[in-house]
Amino acid sequence: SGFPKWERKVRMFLCLFGLVLSIYALHVEVSRERNPDYRALCDLGESVSCSRVFTSRWGRGFGLVQYFVAKDSPLNQPNSVLGIIFYTLQMGLGLSVSKKAAAFLVFSSWVSVAGSLYLASILAFVLGDFCMVCVSTYIVNFALLYTNLKRKRAVQEIKEKAR
């Protein structure tokens, strides 16, 4: 195949890392909801607290879904659940070499990067918090976008050569 050799390995690493971060974030959020005294490994201080971020209103549905449905609606999922779905899709579709899959990978990546920029600004300007887990997922999302843009270009070149 005409894909860059590094692409599949990098995608797998990024998706698995993203999944681990998302599952951990969900674990922290659920633990904190069950026990308000729960301290996560990523809670290093007052302004370096991931559990404070995950349990804030922006930790579910980007803080936006609650304007359209009830706060406790099944549609208002923790961002970490959206992350689990996103990284699973990225991993699965990454196995396909179709032009449609490549286009969807890029589109969903742009959405994730937009979400990352939005949440990063909430983190910095609203919550005034530094969340290592959050910032790590933003980096993964930017790296996946880069990987997906490379993939899309490779798919286009393969299709053009096939004509």
N, C-alpha and C. Protein backbone atom coordinates (compact mmCIF):
# COMPACT_ATOMS: atom_id res chain seq x y z
N SER A 1 0.85 -1.20 0.00
CA SER A 1 0.00 0.00 0.00
C SER A 1 0.87 1.24 0.00
N GLY A 2 0.32 2.34 -0.50
CA GLY A 2 1.08 3.58 -0.63
C GLY A 2 1.05 4.46 0.62
N PHE A 3 0.61 3.88 1.73
CA PHE A 3 0.56 4.67 2.97
C PHE A 3 1.95 4.80 3.56
N PRO A 4 2.22 5.93 4.20
CA PRO A 4 3.50 6.04 4.90
C PRO A 4 3.58 4.92 5.96
N LYS A 5 4.75 4.31 6.09
CA LYS A 5 4.94 3.17 7.00
C LYS A 5 4.59 3.52 8.44
N TRP A 6 4.95 4.74 8.84
CA TRP A 6 4.73 5.15 10.22
C TRP A 6 3.26 5.34 10.57
N GLU A 7 2.44 5.58 9.54
CA GLU A 7 1.07 6.02 9.77
C GLU A 7 0.25 5.05 10.64
N ARG A 8 0.29 3.78 10.31
CA ARG A 8 -0.54 2.80 11.05
C ARG A 8 -0.09 2.66 12.50
N LYS A 9 1.23 2.62 12.71
CA LYS A 9 1.77 2.50 14.07
C LYS A 9 1.45 3.73 14.90
N VAL A 10 1.63 4.91 14.30
CA VAL A 10 1.35 6.16 15.00
C VAL A 10 -0.14 6.25 15.35
N ARG A 11 -1.00 5.90 14.39
CA ARG A 11 -2.45 5.92 14.63
C ARG A 11 -2.80 4.98 15.79
N MET A 12 -2.26 3.77 15.77
CA MET A 12 -2.56 2.81 16.84
C MET A 12 -2.12 3.36 18.19
N PHE A 13 -0.91 3.89 18.24
CA PHE A 13 -0.40 4.46 19.49
C PHE A 13 -1.29 5.59 19.98
N LEU A 14 -1.61 6.54 19.09
CA LEU A 14 -2.41 7.70 19.48
C LEU A 14 -3.81 7.29 19.94
N CYS A 15 -4.43 6.36 19.20
CA CYS A 15 -5.78 5.92 19.56
C CYS A 15 -5.78 5.17 20.89
N LEU A 16 -4.80 4.31 21.10
CA LEU A 16 -4.72 3.57 22.37
C LEU A 16 -4.45 4.52 23.53
N PHE A 17 -3.56 5.48 23.32
CA PHE A 17 -3.23 6.47 24.35
C PHE A 17 -4.48 7.31 24.65
N GLY A 18 -5.17 7.75 23.61
CA GLY A 18 -6.41 8.51 23.77
C GLY A 18 -7.46 7.72 24.53
N LEU A 19 -7.57 6.43 24.19
CA LEU A 19 -8.53 5.54 24.88
C LEU A 19 -8.19 5.42 26.36
N VAL A 20 -6.92 5.19 26.67
CA VAL A 20 -6.49 5.06 28.06
C VAL A 20 -6.81 6.35 28.82
N LEU A 21 -6.50 7.50 28.25
CA LEU A 21 -6.78 8.79 28.88
C LEU A 21 -8.27 8.97 29.11
N SER A 22 -9.09 8.61 28.12
CA SER A 22 -10.55 8.76 28.22
C SER A 22 -11.13 7.83 29.27
N ILE A 23 -10.67 6.59 29.30
CA ILE A 23 -11.16 5.61 30.28
C ILE A 23 -10.76 6.07 31.69
N TYR A 24 -9.53 6.57 31.82
CA TYR A 24 -9.07 7.08 33.12
C TYR A 24 -9.93 8.27 33.56
N ALA A 25 -10.20 9.20 32.63
CA ALA A 25 -11.02 10.38 32.94
C ALA A 25 -12.41 9.95 33.41
N LEU A 26 -12.99 8.96 32.74
CA LEU A 26 -14.31 8.45 33.12
C LEU A 26 -14.25 7.84 34.52
N HIS A 27 -13.19 7.07 34.78
CA HIS A 27 -12.99 6.44 36.09
C HIS A 27 -12.92 7.51 37.19
N VAL A 28 -12.15 8.57 36.94
CA VAL A 28 -12.00 9.65 37.92
C VAL A 28 -13.35 10.32 38.17
N GLU A 29 -14.07 10.60 37.09
CA GLU A 29 -15.36 11.29 37.23
C GLU A 29 -16.36 10.45 38.02
N VAL A 30 -16.46 9.16 37.68
CA VAL A 30 -17.39 8.26 38.37
C VAL A 30 -16.99 8.12 39.85
N SER A 31 -15.69 7.95 40.10
CA SER A 31 -15.19 7.81 41.48
C SER A 31 -15.49 9.05 42.30
N ARG A 32 -15.31 10.22 41.69
CA ARG A 32 -15.53 11.49 42.39
C ARG A 32 -17.01 11.70 42.68
N GLU A 33 -17.87 11.26 41.73
CA GLU A 33 -19.31 11.40 41.95
C GLU A 33 -19.77 10.49 43.09
N ARG A 34 -19.19 9.31 43.19
CA ARG A 34 -19.54 8.36 44.26
C ARG A 34 -18.99 8.82 45.60
N ASN A 35 -17.77 9.38 45.58
CA ASN A 35 -17.11 9.78 46.81
C ASN A 35 -16.44 11.15 46.61
N PRO A 36 -17.06 12.21 47.12
CA PRO A 36 -16.54 13.57 46.93
C PRO A 36 -15.11 13.75 47.48
N ASP A 37 -14.67 12.87 48.36
CA ASP A 37 -13.31 12.97 48.93
C ASP A 37 -12.27 12.24 48.09
N TYR A 38 -12.72 11.58 47.02
CA TYR A 38 -11.79 10.83 46.16
C TYR A 38 -10.74 11.77 45.58
N ARG A 39 -9.46 11.35 45.71
CA ARG A 39 -8.37 12.12 45.10
C ARG A 39 -7.72 11.31 43.99
N ALA A 40 -7.74 11.89 42.80
CA ALA A 40 -7.17 11.21 41.64
C ALA A 40 -5.66 11.47 41.58
N LEU A 41 -4.95 10.59 40.89
CA LEU A 41 -3.50 10.75 40.72
C LEU A 41 -3.18 12.08 40.03
N CYS A 42 -4.12 12.55 39.19
CA CYS A 42 -3.87 13.78 38.43
C CYS A 42 -4.31 15.03 39.20
N ASP A 43 -4.74 14.87 40.45
CA ASP A 43 -5.07 16.03 41.29
C ASP A 43 -3.83 16.40 42.10
N LEU A 44 -3.09 17.38 41.59
CA LEU A 44 -1.82 17.74 42.24
C LEU A 44 -1.94 18.97 43.10
N GLY A 45 -3.05 19.67 42.99
CA GLY A 45 -3.22 20.88 43.79
C GLY A 45 -4.49 21.60 43.42
N GLU A 46 -4.72 22.74 44.04
CA GLU A 46 -5.95 23.51 43.84
C GLU A 46 -6.16 23.87 42.37
N SER A 47 -5.11 24.35 41.70
CA SER A 47 -5.27 24.78 40.31
C SER A 47 -4.70 23.76 39.32
N VAL A 48 -4.30 22.61 39.84
CA VAL A 48 -3.87 21.50 38.98
C VAL A 48 -4.70 20.28 39.39
N SER A 49 -5.97 20.32 38.98
CA SER A 49 -6.91 19.27 39.39
C SER A 49 -7.73 18.80 38.21
N CYS A 50 -7.56 17.52 37.86
CA CYS A 50 -8.35 17.00 36.74
C CYS A 50 -9.76 16.66 37.19
N SER A 51 -9.94 16.18 38.42
CA SER A 51 -11.29 15.78 38.84
C SER A 51 -12.21 17.00 38.93
N ARG A 52 -11.63 18.15 39.29
CA ARG A 52 -12.44 19.38 39.33
C ARG A 52 -12.95 19.73 37.93
N VAL A 53 -12.10 19.49 36.93
CA VAL A 53 -12.46 19.78 35.55
C VAL A 53 -13.51 18.78 35.05
N PHE A 54 -13.27 17.48 35.30
CA PHE A 54 -14.18 16.44 34.80
C PHE A 54 -15.57 16.57 35.39
N THR A 55 -15.66 17.04 36.64
CA THR A 55 -16.97 17.15 37.29
C THR A 55 -17.60 18.53 37.12
N SER A 56 -16.90 19.44 36.42
CA SER A 56 -17.49 20.76 36.14
C SER A 56 -18.56 20.57 35.06
N ARG A 57 -19.36 21.62 34.82
CA ARG A 57 -20.43 21.45 33.82
C ARG A 57 -19.87 21.27 32.41
N TRP A 58 -18.61 21.67 32.19
CA TRP A 58 -17.98 21.48 30.86
C TRP A 58 -17.46 20.06 30.68
N GLY A 59 -17.49 19.27 31.73
CA GLY A 59 -17.03 17.88 31.66
C GLY A 59 -18.04 16.94 31.02
N ARG A 60 -19.25 17.44 30.80
CA ARG A 60 -20.31 16.65 30.14
C ARG A 60 -20.81 17.40 28.93
N GLY A 61 -20.84 16.72 27.80
CA GLY A 61 -21.38 17.33 26.58
C GLY A 61 -20.79 18.70 26.30
N PHE A 62 -19.51 18.88 26.66
CA PHE A 62 -18.78 20.13 26.43
C PHE A 62 -19.45 21.33 27.12
N GLY A 63 -20.36 21.06 28.06
CA GLY A 63 -21.06 22.13 28.75
C GLY A 63 -22.13 22.76 27.88
N LEU A 64 -22.34 22.22 26.67
CA LEU A 64 -23.29 22.81 25.72
C LEU A 64 -24.57 21.99 25.59
N VAL A 65 -24.45 20.66 25.71
CA VAL A 65 -25.60 19.77 25.52
C VAL A 65 -26.71 20.08 26.52
N GLN A 66 -26.34 20.52 27.72
CA GLN A 66 -27.33 20.80 28.77
C GLN A 66 -28.29 21.93 28.40
N TYR A 67 -27.94 22.72 27.37
CA TYR A 67 -28.85 23.77 26.92
C TYR A 67 -29.97 23.20 26.03
N PHE A 68 -29.79 21.97 25.56
CA PHE A 68 -30.76 21.37 24.65
C PHE A 68 -31.53 20.22 25.27
N VAL A 69 -30.91 19.54 26.24
CA VAL A 69 -31.57 18.43 26.93
C VAL A 69 -31.34 18.59 28.43
N ALA A 70 -32.04 17.80 29.23
CA ALA A 70 -31.87 17.86 30.69
C ALA A 70 -30.43 17.50 31.04
N LYS A 71 -29.92 18.09 32.15
CA LYS A 71 -28.55 17.83 32.60
C LYS A 71 -28.29 16.34 32.77
N ASP A 72 -29.32 15.61 33.28
CA ASP A 72 -29.14 14.17 33.55
C ASP A 72 -29.66 13.31 32.40
N SER A 73 -29.86 13.91 31.23
CA SER A 73 -30.30 13.16 30.05
C SER A 73 -29.19 12.22 29.59
N PRO A 74 -29.58 11.04 29.07
CA PRO A 74 -28.56 10.12 28.52
C PRO A 74 -27.80 10.74 27.34
N LEU A 75 -28.33 11.80 26.76
CA LEU A 75 -27.63 12.48 25.66
C LEU A 75 -26.51 13.38 26.17
N ASN A 76 -26.56 13.73 27.47
CA ASN A 76 -25.53 14.60 28.05
C ASN A 76 -24.45 13.73 28.69
N GLN A 77 -23.62 13.14 27.85
CA GLN A 77 -22.59 12.19 28.30
C GLN A 77 -21.32 12.91 28.72
N PRO A 78 -20.55 12.29 29.65
CA PRO A 78 -19.23 12.85 29.96
C PRO A 78 -18.39 12.95 28.68
N ASN A 79 -17.57 13.98 28.59
CA ASN A 79 -16.68 14.14 27.43
C ASN A 79 -15.81 12.90 27.23
N SER A 80 -15.46 12.23 28.34
CA SER A 80 -14.62 11.03 28.25
C SER A 80 -15.32 9.91 27.47
N VAL A 81 -16.64 9.82 27.58
CA VAL A 81 -17.39 8.80 26.82
C VAL A 81 -17.31 9.15 25.33
N LEU A 82 -17.44 10.44 25.01
CA LEU A 82 -17.30 10.88 23.62
C LEU A 82 -15.90 10.55 23.12
N GLY A 83 -14.91 10.72 23.98
CA GLY A 83 -13.52 10.38 23.62
C GLY A 83 -13.36 8.91 23.33
N ILE A 84 -13.97 8.06 24.17
CA ILE A 84 -13.88 6.60 23.97
C ILE A 84 -14.47 6.24 22.61
N ILE A 85 -15.62 6.83 22.26
CA ILE A 85 -16.27 6.57 20.96
C ILE A 85 -15.37 7.07 19.83
N PHE A 86 -14.86 8.30 19.98
CA PHE A 86 -14.01 8.92 18.95
C PHE A 86 -12.76 8.09 18.66
N TYR A 87 -12.01 7.71 19.71
CA TYR A 87 -10.76 6.96 19.49
C TYR A 87 -11.02 5.56 18.95
N THR A 88 -12.14 4.96 19.35
CA THR A 88 -12.50 3.64 18.82
C THR A 88 -12.81 3.74 17.33
N LEU A 89 -13.58 4.77 16.94
CA LEU A 89 -13.88 5.00 15.52
C LEU A 89 -12.62 5.27 14.71
N GLN A 90 -11.73 6.11 15.28
CA GLN A 90 -10.47 6.44 14.60
C GLN A 90 -9.64 5.18 14.37
N MET A 91 -9.64 4.29 15.37
CA MET A 91 -8.87 3.06 15.25
C MET A 91 -9.49 2.14 14.20
N GLY A 92 -10.81 1.96 14.29
CA GLY A 92 -11.52 1.06 13.37
C GLY A 92 -11.46 1.54 11.94
N LEU A 93 -11.79 2.81 11.72
CA LEU A 93 -11.79 3.36 10.35
C LEU A 93 -10.39 3.48 9.80
N GLY A 94 -9.40 3.55 10.70
CA GLY A 94 -8.01 3.61 10.27
C GLY A 94 -7.57 2.33 9.55
N LEU A 95 -8.34 1.26 9.76
CA LEU A 95 -8.02 -0.02 9.10
C LEU A 95 -8.51 -0.02 7.65
N SER A 96 -9.46 0.85 7.35
CA SER A 96 -10.01 0.93 6.00
C SER A 96 -9.14 1.84 5.15
N VAL A 97 -9.04 1.52 3.85
CA VAL A 97 -8.24 2.35 2.96
C VAL A 97 -9.14 3.13 2.00
N SER A 98 -10.45 3.16 2.28
CA SER A 98 -11.37 3.84 1.37
C SER A 98 -11.25 5.36 1.48
N LYS A 99 -11.65 6.01 0.41
CA LYS A 99 -11.62 7.47 0.34
C LYS A 99 -12.63 8.05 1.33
N LYS A 100 -13.81 7.40 1.47
CA LYS A 100 -14.84 7.85 2.41
C LYS A 100 -14.35 7.78 3.85
N ALA A 101 -13.67 6.68 4.18
CA ALA A 101 -13.14 6.53 5.54
C ALA A 101 -12.12 7.62 5.82
N ALA A 102 -11.25 7.88 4.84
CA ALA A 102 -10.21 8.91 5.00
C ALA A 102 -10.86 10.28 5.21
N ALA A 103 -11.93 10.56 4.45
CA ALA A 103 -12.63 11.84 4.57
C ALA A 103 -13.28 11.97 5.95
N PHE A 104 -13.90 10.88 6.42
CA PHE A 104 -14.55 10.92 7.74
C PHE A 104 -13.51 11.07 8.86
N LEU A 105 -12.37 10.41 8.71
CA LEU A 105 -11.29 10.52 9.70
C LEU A 105 -10.85 11.98 9.83
N VAL A 106 -10.68 12.65 8.69
CA VAL A 106 -10.25 14.04 8.70
C VAL A 106 -11.34 14.93 9.30
N PHE A 107 -12.58 14.73 8.86
CA PHE A 107 -13.70 15.54 9.36
C PHE A 107 -13.84 15.40 10.88
N SER A 108 -13.88 14.16 11.37
CA SER A 108 -14.06 13.95 12.81
C SER A 108 -12.86 14.48 13.60
N SER A 109 -11.67 14.44 12.98
CA SER A 109 -10.47 15.00 13.60
C SER A 109 -10.57 16.52 13.75
N TRP A 110 -11.08 17.19 12.70
CA TRP A 110 -11.26 18.64 12.78
C TRP A 110 -12.24 18.97 13.90
N VAL A 111 -13.32 18.18 14.04
CA VAL A 111 -14.30 18.39 15.11
C VAL A 111 -13.62 18.22 16.47
N SER A 112 -12.79 17.18 16.61
CA SER A 112 -12.11 16.93 17.89
C SER A 112 -11.12 18.05 18.23
N VAL A 113 -10.46 18.59 17.20
CA VAL A 113 -9.52 19.69 17.42
C VAL A 113 -10.27 20.97 17.81
N ALA A 114 -11.42 21.21 17.17
CA ALA A 114 -12.25 22.36 17.54
C ALA A 114 -12.70 22.21 18.99
N GLY A 115 -13.13 21.00 19.35
CA GLY A 115 -13.53 20.71 20.74
C GLY A 115 -12.38 20.91 21.70
N SER A 116 -11.19 20.49 21.30
CA SER A 116 -9.99 20.65 22.14
C SER A 116 -9.68 22.12 22.38
N LEU A 117 -9.74 22.92 21.32
CA LEU A 117 -9.46 24.36 21.44
C LEU A 117 -10.50 25.02 22.36
N TYR A 118 -11.75 24.64 22.18
CA TYR A 118 -12.84 25.17 23.01
C TYR A 118 -12.61 24.80 24.48
N LEU A 119 -12.36 23.53 24.75
CA LEU A 119 -12.17 23.08 26.13
C LEU A 119 -10.88 23.65 26.74
N ALA A 120 -9.85 23.79 25.92
CA ALA A 120 -8.60 24.38 26.41
C ALA A 120 -8.83 25.83 26.85
N SER A 121 -9.66 26.57 26.09
CA SER A 121 -9.94 27.96 26.48
C SER A 121 -10.79 28.01 27.75
N ILE A 122 -11.72 27.07 27.92
CA ILE A 122 -12.52 26.98 29.16
C ILE A 122 -11.55 26.71 30.32
N LEU A 123 -10.64 25.78 30.09
CA LEU A 123 -9.67 25.39 31.12
C LEU A 123 -8.84 26.60 31.56
N ALA A 124 -8.33 27.33 30.58
CA ALA A 124 -7.43 28.45 30.87
C ALA A 124 -8.17 29.68 31.40
N PHE A 125 -9.29 30.04 30.76
CA PHE A 125 -9.90 31.33 31.06
C PHE A 125 -11.10 31.27 32.00
N VAL A 126 -11.78 30.12 32.06
CA VAL A 126 -12.96 30.02 32.93
C VAL A 126 -12.61 29.30 34.22
N LEU A 127 -12.04 28.11 34.10
CA LEU A 127 -11.73 27.31 35.29
C LEU A 127 -10.39 27.68 35.92
N GLY A 128 -9.51 28.27 35.12
CA GLY A 128 -8.18 28.63 35.62
C GLY A 128 -7.47 27.43 36.20
N ASP A 129 -7.56 26.33 35.48
CA ASP A 129 -7.05 25.05 35.98
C ASP A 129 -6.08 24.47 34.95
N PHE A 130 -5.13 23.68 35.42
CA PHE A 130 -4.28 22.92 34.49
C PHE A 130 -4.57 21.45 34.71
N CYS A 131 -5.08 20.81 33.65
CA CYS A 131 -5.46 19.40 33.73
C CYS A 131 -4.56 18.63 32.77
N MET A 132 -3.64 17.83 33.34
CA MET A 132 -2.68 17.10 32.50
C MET A 132 -3.36 16.11 31.56
N VAL A 133 -4.39 15.42 32.07
CA VAL A 133 -5.12 14.45 31.25
C VAL A 133 -5.77 15.16 30.07
N CYS A 134 -6.40 16.32 30.35
CA CYS A 134 -7.05 17.10 29.29
C CYS A 134 -6.05 17.54 28.23
N VAL A 135 -4.97 18.16 28.69
CA VAL A 135 -3.97 18.69 27.76
C VAL A 135 -3.35 17.55 26.93
N SER A 136 -3.16 16.40 27.55
CA SER A 136 -2.65 15.23 26.82
C SER A 136 -3.61 14.81 25.71
N THR A 137 -4.92 14.83 25.99
CA THR A 137 -5.88 14.45 24.94
C THR A 137 -5.88 15.49 23.82
N TYR A 138 -5.69 16.77 24.16
CA TYR A 138 -5.63 17.80 23.10
C TYR A 138 -4.46 17.52 22.17
N ILE A 139 -3.32 17.15 22.75
CA ILE A 139 -2.12 16.85 21.96
C ILE A 139 -2.37 15.63 21.06
N VAL A 140 -3.00 14.60 21.63
CA VAL A 140 -3.35 13.40 20.85
C VAL A 140 -4.26 13.79 19.68
N ASN A 141 -5.24 14.65 19.93
CA ASN A 141 -6.19 15.05 18.88
C ASN A 141 -5.51 15.82 17.75
N PHE A 142 -4.57 16.71 18.10
CA PHE A 142 -3.82 17.44 17.07
C PHE A 142 -2.94 16.48 16.26
N ALA A 143 -2.30 15.54 16.95
CA ALA A 143 -1.44 14.56 16.27
C ALA A 143 -2.27 13.65 15.35
N LEU A 144 -3.48 13.30 15.80
CA LEU A 144 -4.37 12.47 14.95
C LEU A 144 -4.82 13.25 13.72
N LEU A 145 -5.08 14.54 13.88
CA LEU A 145 -5.47 15.36 12.73
C LEU A 145 -4.35 15.34 11.69
N TYR A 146 -3.12 15.55 12.15
CA TYR A 146 -1.95 15.52 11.25
C TYR A 146 -1.87 14.16 10.53
N THR A 147 -2.02 13.10 11.30
CA THR A 147 -1.96 11.73 10.76
C THR A 147 -3.06 11.52 9.72
N ASN A 148 -4.27 11.99 10.02
CA ASN A 148 -5.41 11.83 9.12
C ASN A 148 -5.27 12.64 7.84
N LEU A 149 -4.67 13.83 7.95
CA LEU A 149 -4.44 14.64 6.75
C LEU A 149 -3.43 13.94 5.84
N LYS A 150 -2.40 13.33 6.44
CA LYS A 150 -1.40 12.57 5.67
C LYS A 150 -2.08 11.38 4.98
N ARG A 151 -2.98 10.70 5.74
CA ARG A 151 -3.71 9.54 5.21
C ARG A 151 -4.56 9.95 4.01
N LYS A 152 -5.28 11.06 4.13
CA LYS A 152 -6.17 11.51 3.06
C LYS A 152 -5.37 11.80 1.80
N ARG A 153 -4.21 12.45 1.96
CA ARG A 153 -3.36 12.76 0.82
C ARG A 153 -2.87 11.46 0.16
N ALA A 154 -2.46 10.49 0.98
CA ALA A 154 -1.98 9.21 0.46
C ALA A 154 -3.08 8.49 -0.32
N VAL A 155 -4.31 8.49 0.21
CA VAL A 155 -5.45 7.84 -0.46
C VAL A 155 -5.71 8.52 -1.81
N GLN A 156 -5.67 9.85 -1.84
CA GLN A 156 -5.89 10.58 -3.10
C GLN A 156 -4.82 10.23 -4.14
N GLU A 157 -3.55 10.13 -3.68
CA GLU A 157 -2.46 9.81 -4.61
C GLU A 157 -2.63 8.39 -5.16
N ILE A 158 -3.05 7.46 -4.31
CA ILE A 158 -3.25 6.07 -4.74
C ILE A 158 -4.35 6.02 -5.79
N LYS A 159 -5.46 6.74 -5.54
CA LYS A 159 -6.59 6.76 -6.48
C LYS A 159 -6.18 7.39 -7.82
N GLU A 160 -5.36 8.44 -7.76
CA GLU A 160 -4.92 9.11 -8.99
C GLU A 160 -4.01 8.20 -9.82
N LYS A 161 -3.14 7.45 -9.13
CA LYS A 161 -2.24 6.53 -9.83
C LYS A 161 -3.03 5.39 -10.47
N ALA A 162 -4.15 5.03 -9.85
CA ALA A 162 -4.96 3.90 -10.32
C ALA A 162 -5.75 4.25 -11.59
N ARG A 163 -5.91 5.54 -11.86
CA ARG A 163 -6.70 5.96 -13.05
C ARG A 163 -6.02 5.60 -14.34
